[in-house]
Protein backbone atom coordinates (compact mmCIF):
# COMPACT_ATOMS: atom_id res chain seq x y z
CA MET A 1 -2.74 -54.77 19.46
CA PRO A 2 -4.70 -54.54 22.72
CA PRO A 3 -7.88 -52.45 22.65
CA GLU A 4 -6.51 -49.89 25.11
CA CYS A 5 -3.61 -49.17 22.77
CA SER A 6 -5.87 -48.47 19.80
CA HIS A 7 -8.08 -46.33 22.04
CA ALA A 8 -5.03 -44.39 23.24
CA ALA A 9 -3.95 -43.89 19.62
CA SER A 10 -7.38 -42.56 18.66
CA LYS A 11 -7.34 -40.21 21.68
CA ARG A 12 -3.97 -38.92 20.56
CA SER A 13 -5.37 -38.35 17.11
CA ASP A 14 -8.33 -36.42 18.52
CA HIS A 15 -6.04 -34.39 20.71
CA GLY A 16 -3.79 -33.68 17.73
CA ASP A 17 -6.73 -32.40 15.69
CA PHE A 18 -7.82 -30.21 18.59
CA ALA A 19 -4.28 -28.88 19.03
CA THR A 20 -4.09 -28.14 15.32
CA ALA A 21 -7.40 -26.26 15.43
CA VAL A 22 -6.31 -24.22 18.46
CA SER A 23 -2.95 -23.51 16.85
CA SER A 24 -4.70 -22.41 13.66
CA ARG A 25 -7.00 -20.06 15.62
CA ARG A 26 -4.05 -18.60 17.49
CA ARG A 27 -2.16 -18.10 14.24
CA ARG A 28 -5.14 -16.26 12.72
CA HIS A 29 -5.44 -14.14 15.88
CA HIS A 30 -1.75 -13.26 15.71
CA ASP A 31 -2.05 -12.46 12.00
CA VAL A 32 -4.94 -10.08 12.67
CA LEU A 33 -3.08 -8.52 15.60
CA PHE A 34 0.04 -8.05 13.46
CA LYS A 35 -1.94 -6.51 10.58
CA THR A 36 -3.65 -4.12 12.99
CA PHE A 37 -0.32 -3.12 14.51
CA TRP A 38 1.28 -2.75 11.05
CA THR A 39 -1.56 -0.49 9.89
CA TRP A 40 -1.23 1.66 13.01
CA LEU A 41 2.56 1.86 12.67
CA THR A 42 2.38 2.77 8.98
CA ALA A 43 -0.08 5.59 9.72
CA ARG A 44 2.10 6.95 12.53
CA LEU A 45 5.30 6.82 10.46
CA THR A 46 3.63 8.41 7.43
CA SER A 47 2.37 11.26 9.58
CA TYR A 48 5.77 11.71 11.24
CA VAL A 49 7.70 11.74 7.97
CA SER A 50 5.32 14.14 6.21
CA VAL A 51 5.31 16.63 9.11
CA HIS A 52 9.08 16.61 9.48
CA ALA A 53 9.74 16.71 5.73
CA ALA A 54 7.51 19.78 5.41
CA ALA A 55 9.22 21.49 8.34
CA THR A 56 12.66 20.73 6.91
CA ALA A 57 11.66 22.03 3.48
CA ALA A 58 10.28 25.23 5.00
CA ALA A 59 13.53 25.76 6.92
CA ILE A 60 15.78 25.09 3.91
CA GLU A 61 13.83 27.08 1.29
CA PRO A 62 15.14 30.59 2.12
CA VAL A 63 18.74 29.36 2.24
CA ALA A 64 18.35 27.47 -1.05
CA VAL A 65 16.84 30.46 -2.86
CA THR A 66 19.47 32.86 -1.51
CA SER A 67 22.28 30.48 -2.47
CA ALA A 68 20.87 30.09 -5.98
CA VAL A 69 20.63 33.87 -6.48
CA VAL A 70 24.19 34.44 -5.19
CA TYR A 71 25.45 31.65 -7.47
CA ARG A 72 23.72 33.14 -10.54
CA HIS A 73 25.08 36.61 -9.76
CA GLY A 74 28.53 35.13 -9.31
CA MET A 75 28.33 33.68 -12.82
CA GLY A 76 27.22 37.06 -14.21
CA LEU A 77 23.67 35.95 -14.99
CA PRO A 78 20.73 38.14 -14.05
CA ALA A 79 18.41 37.01 -11.30
CA PRO A 80 15.27 35.32 -12.60
CA ALA A 81 12.14 37.46 -12.77
CA ARG A 82 9.63 36.88 -9.99
CA GLN A 83 6.36 35.32 -11.02
CA ASP A 84 4.17 36.50 -8.14
């Protein structure tokens, strides 16, 4: 094999190692970026769900209590005593 061929092969090998190192750094950067985004998204969704679940529960509570009392009276059972 001529010397220039072996030199070209070693250059390719060096370039391949460099490309692998750059690719590895990019992959780590993307992993960190994804984890940061995932953390932010999880926090936003948790906040959204908790706020809207509380609002929905507050809106449904009077209807649920009234329906339960009407149902119990319909069955002939007395209303439960309040525990205030």
